[in-house]
Amino acid sequence: MLNGTTLAVVACSRSVWTIVVAGGSGARFGAPKQFESLGTGRVLDHAVATARSVSDGVVVVVPLPDAHREGGVAGGATRRQSVANGLAGVPNDATVICVHDAARPFASAALYRAVIAAVEAGADAAVPGVAVTDTIKVVDDGVVQSTPRRASLVAVQTPQAFRADALRAAHARLPEADEGVEFTDDASMIEASGGRVVVVAGEDDNRKITRPDDLLWARQRLAEQ
């Protein structure tokens, strides 16, 4: 059993950092959506504010021309490269690293705490997931190959939390040139490395701003509060 002194040491050794990824050009949106106005701030500001409320430190990854102005680091050509650039700014003594897409401005502090707690309970990574309501088809060259059971599927969100050493090792072990597959999130890299990824309940309002109508929804949501 841990005594009071040991518990204090464990608590002091805990260090959570968050990488907020905002390095995209906004090709599908038509502009860098992370800098669009949302209430009294911008989409990016909402995401960073929540991350800071639950983290010991935050690294913001933005396009190269904006890095100095935003006090962040420059993103790469891909999301994968942007996260790797953000990792370089996280101190070596971090024990848990969260990765969050700035395009999800309404992720709550409670959601951060849930994924962090799951990692601290022993998982290599934890992701928020919400039930899939549509039927999903696996398609190859326009032909349906299979229909996965809907009950086994979740739509994954961010923030995603990771044991710091597991995330660093995955990035080191799976260099971009040798991927062979597209890793659309960092949890996929942990899976490919043989790590254990668990799912916590996601949030309906944790909607990703991808197209202009998503931004209209976000502004309406704030107006109704």
Protein backbone atom coordinates (compact mmCIF):
# COMPACT_ATOMS: atom_id res chain seq x y z
CA MET A 1 0.00 0.00 0.00
CA LEU A 2 1.25 3.50 -0.81
CA ASN A 3 1.84 5.69 2.22
CA GLY A 4 1.24 9.44 2.33
CA THR A 5 4.82 10.30 1.42
CA THR A 6 4.80 7.99 -1.61
CA LEU A 7 1.50 9.41 -2.79
CA ALA A 8 2.91 12.92 -2.59
CA VAL A 9 5.92 11.90 -4.68
CA VAL A 10 3.67 10.26 -7.29
CA ALA A 11 1.48 13.38 -7.47
CA CYS A 12 4.51 15.65 -7.84
CA SER A 13 6.00 13.47 -10.62
CA ARG A 14 2.87 13.77 -12.75
CA SER A 15 3.32 16.17 -15.64
CA VAL A 16 0.69 16.60 -18.35
CA TRP A 17 1.39 18.53 -21.54
CA THR A 18 -0.90 19.13 -24.50
CA ILE A 19 -0.04 19.65 -28.15
CA VAL A 20 -2.76 21.69 -29.87
CA VAL A 21 -2.51 21.01 -33.60
CA ALA A 22 -3.49 24.01 -35.71
CA GLY A 23 -1.03 23.71 -38.57
CA GLY A 24 -3.44 23.09 -41.43
CA SER A 25 -4.09 25.38 -44.37
CA GLY A 26 -7.87 24.85 -44.24
CA ALA A 27 -8.14 23.52 -47.79
CA ARG A 28 -11.58 21.96 -47.26
CA PHE A 29 -12.80 24.97 -45.30
CA GLY A 30 -11.48 27.53 -47.78
CA ALA A 31 -9.29 29.40 -45.25
CA PRO A 32 -7.24 28.67 -42.10
CA LYS A 33 -10.26 27.81 -39.94
CA GLN A 34 -8.27 27.88 -36.71
CA PHE A 35 -8.07 31.66 -36.96
CA GLU A 36 -11.77 32.24 -37.68
CA SER A 37 -13.65 34.30 -35.10
CA LEU A 38 -15.75 32.43 -32.57
CA GLY A 39 -17.45 34.47 -29.88
CA THR A 40 -14.97 36.80 -28.21
CA GLY A 41 -11.96 34.87 -29.53
CA ARG A 42 -10.97 32.58 -32.35
CA VAL A 43 -11.45 28.86 -32.87
CA LEU A 44 -7.83 28.32 -31.80
CA ASP A 45 -8.22 30.43 -28.66
CA HIS A 46 -11.07 28.27 -27.36
CA ALA A 47 -9.10 25.07 -27.89
CA VAL A 48 -5.95 26.44 -26.25
CA ALA A 49 -7.79 27.90 -23.25
CA THR A 50 -9.29 24.54 -22.30
CA ALA A 51 -6.00 22.73 -22.86
CA ARG A 52 -4.21 25.16 -20.56
CA SER A 53 -6.81 24.68 -17.83
CA VAL A 54 -5.93 20.99 -17.48
CA SER A 55 -2.26 20.88 -18.51
CA ASP A 56 1.07 21.84 -17.02
CA GLY A 57 2.03 23.26 -20.40
CA VAL A 58 0.73 23.64 -23.95
CA VAL A 59 2.58 23.60 -27.27
CA VAL A 60 0.62 25.20 -30.12
CA VAL A 61 1.45 24.07 -33.66
CA VAL A 62 0.53 26.58 -36.37
CA PRO A 63 1.54 27.28 -39.98
CA LEU A 64 5.11 28.56 -40.30
CA PRO A 65 4.18 32.19 -41.13
CA ASP A 66 2.10 32.38 -37.93
CA ALA A 67 4.46 30.65 -35.50
CA HIS A 68 6.14 33.79 -34.11
CA ARG A 69 2.88 35.72 -33.75
CA GLU A 70 1.15 32.83 -31.96
CA GLY A 71 4.11 31.93 -29.77
CA GLY A 72 4.00 28.41 -31.17
CA VAL A 73 6.00 26.03 -33.31
CA ALA A 74 5.74 25.60 -37.06
CA GLY A 75 3.70 22.73 -38.43
CA GLY A 76 4.84 20.30 -41.09
CA ALA A 77 3.53 19.18 -44.46
CA THR A 78 1.30 16.57 -42.80
CA ARG A 79 -0.54 16.31 -39.51
CA ARG A 80 1.91 13.59 -38.49
CA GLN A 81 4.85 15.94 -39.04
CA SER A 82 3.08 18.74 -37.18
CA VAL A 83 2.61 16.54 -34.11
CA ALA A 84 6.26 15.50 -34.29
CA ASN A 85 7.28 19.18 -34.33
CA GLY A 86 5.06 19.78 -31.33
CA LEU A 87 6.60 16.82 -29.50
CA ALA A 88 9.99 18.45 -29.80
CA GLY A 89 8.70 21.30 -27.65
CA VAL A 90 7.38 19.07 -24.85
CA PRO A 91 9.77 18.68 -21.89
CA ASN A 92 11.38 15.29 -21.41
CA ASP A 93 9.87 14.93 -17.94
CA ALA A 94 6.27 14.97 -19.21
CA THR A 95 4.48 11.77 -18.17
CA VAL A 96 1.26 12.21 -20.18
CA ILE A 97 0.94 13.99 -23.52
CA CYS A 98 -2.42 14.96 -24.98
CA VAL A 99 -2.86 15.75 -28.66
CA HIS A 100 -5.85 17.88 -29.61
CA ASP A 101 -7.08 19.29 -32.91
CA ALA A 102 -7.72 23.03 -32.65
CA ALA A 103 -10.66 22.51 -35.00
CA ARG A 104 -12.56 21.00 -32.04
CA PRO A 105 -13.03 24.15 -29.92
CA PHE A 106 -15.66 22.73 -27.55
CA ALA A 107 -13.82 19.74 -26.09
CA SER A 108 -14.39 20.05 -22.34
CA ALA A 109 -11.95 19.96 -19.46
CA ALA A 110 -13.85 16.90 -18.22
CA LEU A 111 -13.07 15.09 -21.46
CA TYR A 112 -9.38 15.86 -21.04
CA ARG A 113 -9.50 14.54 -17.50
CA ALA A 114 -11.19 11.33 -18.68
CA VAL A 115 -8.53 10.44 -21.26
CA ILE A 116 -5.71 11.44 -18.91
CA ALA A 117 -7.16 9.27 -16.14
CA ALA A 118 -7.40 6.28 -18.50
CA VAL A 119 -3.70 6.58 -19.36
CA GLU A 120 -2.74 6.99 -15.73
CA ALA A 121 -4.74 3.82 -15.01
CA GLY A 122 -2.46 1.85 -17.32
CA ALA A 123 -3.43 2.36 -20.97
CA ASP A 124 -0.81 3.39 -23.53
CA ALA A 125 -3.36 5.74 -25.07
CA ALA A 126 -6.96 6.82 -24.59
CA VAL A 127 -9.33 8.33 -27.14
CA PRO A 128 -12.87 9.74 -26.91
CA GLY A 129 -15.40 7.90 -29.05
CA VAL A 130 -19.07 8.34 -29.93
CA ALA A 131 -21.43 5.74 -31.34
CA VAL A 132 -21.76 5.48 -35.11
CA THR A 133 -25.37 5.87 -36.21
CA ASP A 134 -24.93 5.32 -39.96
CA THR A 135 -24.27 1.97 -41.60
CA ILE A 136 -20.62 1.84 -42.70
CA LYS A 137 -19.43 0.03 -45.82
CA VAL A 138 -15.86 -1.00 -46.66
CA VAL A 139 -15.41 -0.14 -50.34
CA ASP A 140 -12.67 -0.96 -52.84
CA ASP A 141 -12.78 0.63 -56.30
CA GLY A 142 -16.46 1.41 -55.91
CA VAL A 143 -17.44 -2.10 -54.87
CA VAL A 144 -18.62 -2.93 -51.35
CA GLN A 145 -16.34 -5.48 -49.70
CA SER A 146 -17.96 -5.78 -46.29
CA THR A 147 -20.28 -4.16 -43.76
CA PRO A 148 -18.79 -3.96 -40.24
CA ARG A 149 -21.14 -4.43 -37.31
CA ARG A 150 -22.23 -0.93 -36.29
CA ALA A 151 -22.14 -1.87 -32.61
CA SER A 152 -18.38 -2.41 -32.86
CA LEU A 153 -17.67 1.01 -34.39
CA VAL A 154 -17.04 4.41 -32.80
CA ALA A 155 -16.22 7.78 -34.31
CA VAL A 156 -13.05 9.00 -32.62
CA GLN A 157 -12.43 12.53 -31.39
CA THR A 158 -9.64 14.47 -29.71
CA PRO A 159 -8.14 15.18 -27.20
CA GLN A 160 -6.27 11.89 -27.23
CA ALA A 161 -3.96 11.14 -24.30
CA PHE A 162 -0.77 9.07 -24.35
CA ARG A 163 1.92 7.77 -22.08
CA ALA A 164 4.66 10.18 -23.06
CA ASP A 165 7.26 7.50 -23.67
CA ALA A 166 4.83 5.47 -25.80
CA LEU A 167 3.99 8.44 -28.04
CA ARG A 168 7.63 9.41 -28.47
CA ALA A 169 8.60 5.82 -29.24
CA ALA A 170 5.82 5.46 -31.82
CA HIS A 171 6.98 8.56 -33.67
CA ALA A 172 10.58 7.37 -33.57
CA ARG A 173 9.69 3.81 -34.62
CA LEU A 174 7.39 4.69 -37.51
CA PRO A 175 9.13 7.35 -39.60
CA GLU A 176 7.02 9.06 -42.25
CA ALA A 177 8.82 7.50 -45.20
CA ASP A 178 8.25 3.96 -43.92
CA GLU A 179 4.62 4.22 -42.87
CA GLY A 180 3.05 2.34 -45.76
CA VAL A 181 -0.33 3.41 -44.37
CA GLU A 182 -1.93 6.71 -43.54
CA PHE A 183 -2.06 7.42 -39.82
CA THR A 184 -4.96 9.83 -39.44
CA ASP A 185 -4.44 10.12 -35.69
CA ASP A 186 -1.71 9.36 -33.20
CA ALA A 187 -3.68 6.55 -31.59
CA SER A 188 -3.33 4.63 -34.87
CA MET A 189 0.43 4.79 -34.44
CA ILE A 190 0.17 3.35 -30.95
CA GLU A 191 -2.00 0.54 -32.32
CA ALA A 192 0.56 -0.17 -35.06
CA SER A 193 3.26 -0.29 -32.39
CA GLY A 194 1.33 -2.92 -30.43
CA GLY A 195 0.16 -0.58 -27.68
CA ARG A 196 -3.12 -0.72 -25.80
CA VAL A 197 -5.61 2.00 -26.76
CA VAL A 198 -8.82 2.40 -24.76
CA VAL A 199 -11.96 4.39 -25.53
CA VAL A 200 -13.77 6.78 -23.19
CA ALA A 201 -17.14 8.38 -23.85
CA GLY A 202 -16.87 11.29 -26.26
CA GLU A 203 -19.04 14.40 -26.36
CA ASP A 204 -21.73 15.33 -28.88
CA ASP A 205 -20.68 18.99 -28.79
CA ASN A 206 -17.06 18.09 -29.52
CA ARG A 207 -17.74 18.64 -33.20
CA LYS A 208 -14.90 19.22 -35.63
CA ILE A 209 -15.05 22.38 -37.70
CA THR A 210 -14.35 21.16 -41.21
CA ARG A 211 -16.65 23.21 -43.44
CA PRO A 212 -18.24 26.68 -43.19
CA ASP A 213 -21.55 25.28 -41.95
CA ASP A 214 -19.70 23.73 -38.98
CA LEU A 215 -18.48 27.20 -38.02
CA LEU A 216 -22.01 28.57 -38.30
CA TRP A 217 -23.14 25.81 -35.92
CA ALA A 218 -20.35 26.67 -33.47
CA ARG A 219 -21.26 30.36 -33.47
CA GLN A 220 -24.92 29.51 -32.94
CA ARG A 221 -24.00 27.23 -30.04
CA LEU A 222 -22.15 30.04 -28.31
CA ALA A 223 -24.98 32.49 -28.97
CA GLU A 224 -27.45 30.16 -27.26
CA GLN A 225 -25.40 29.85 -24.08
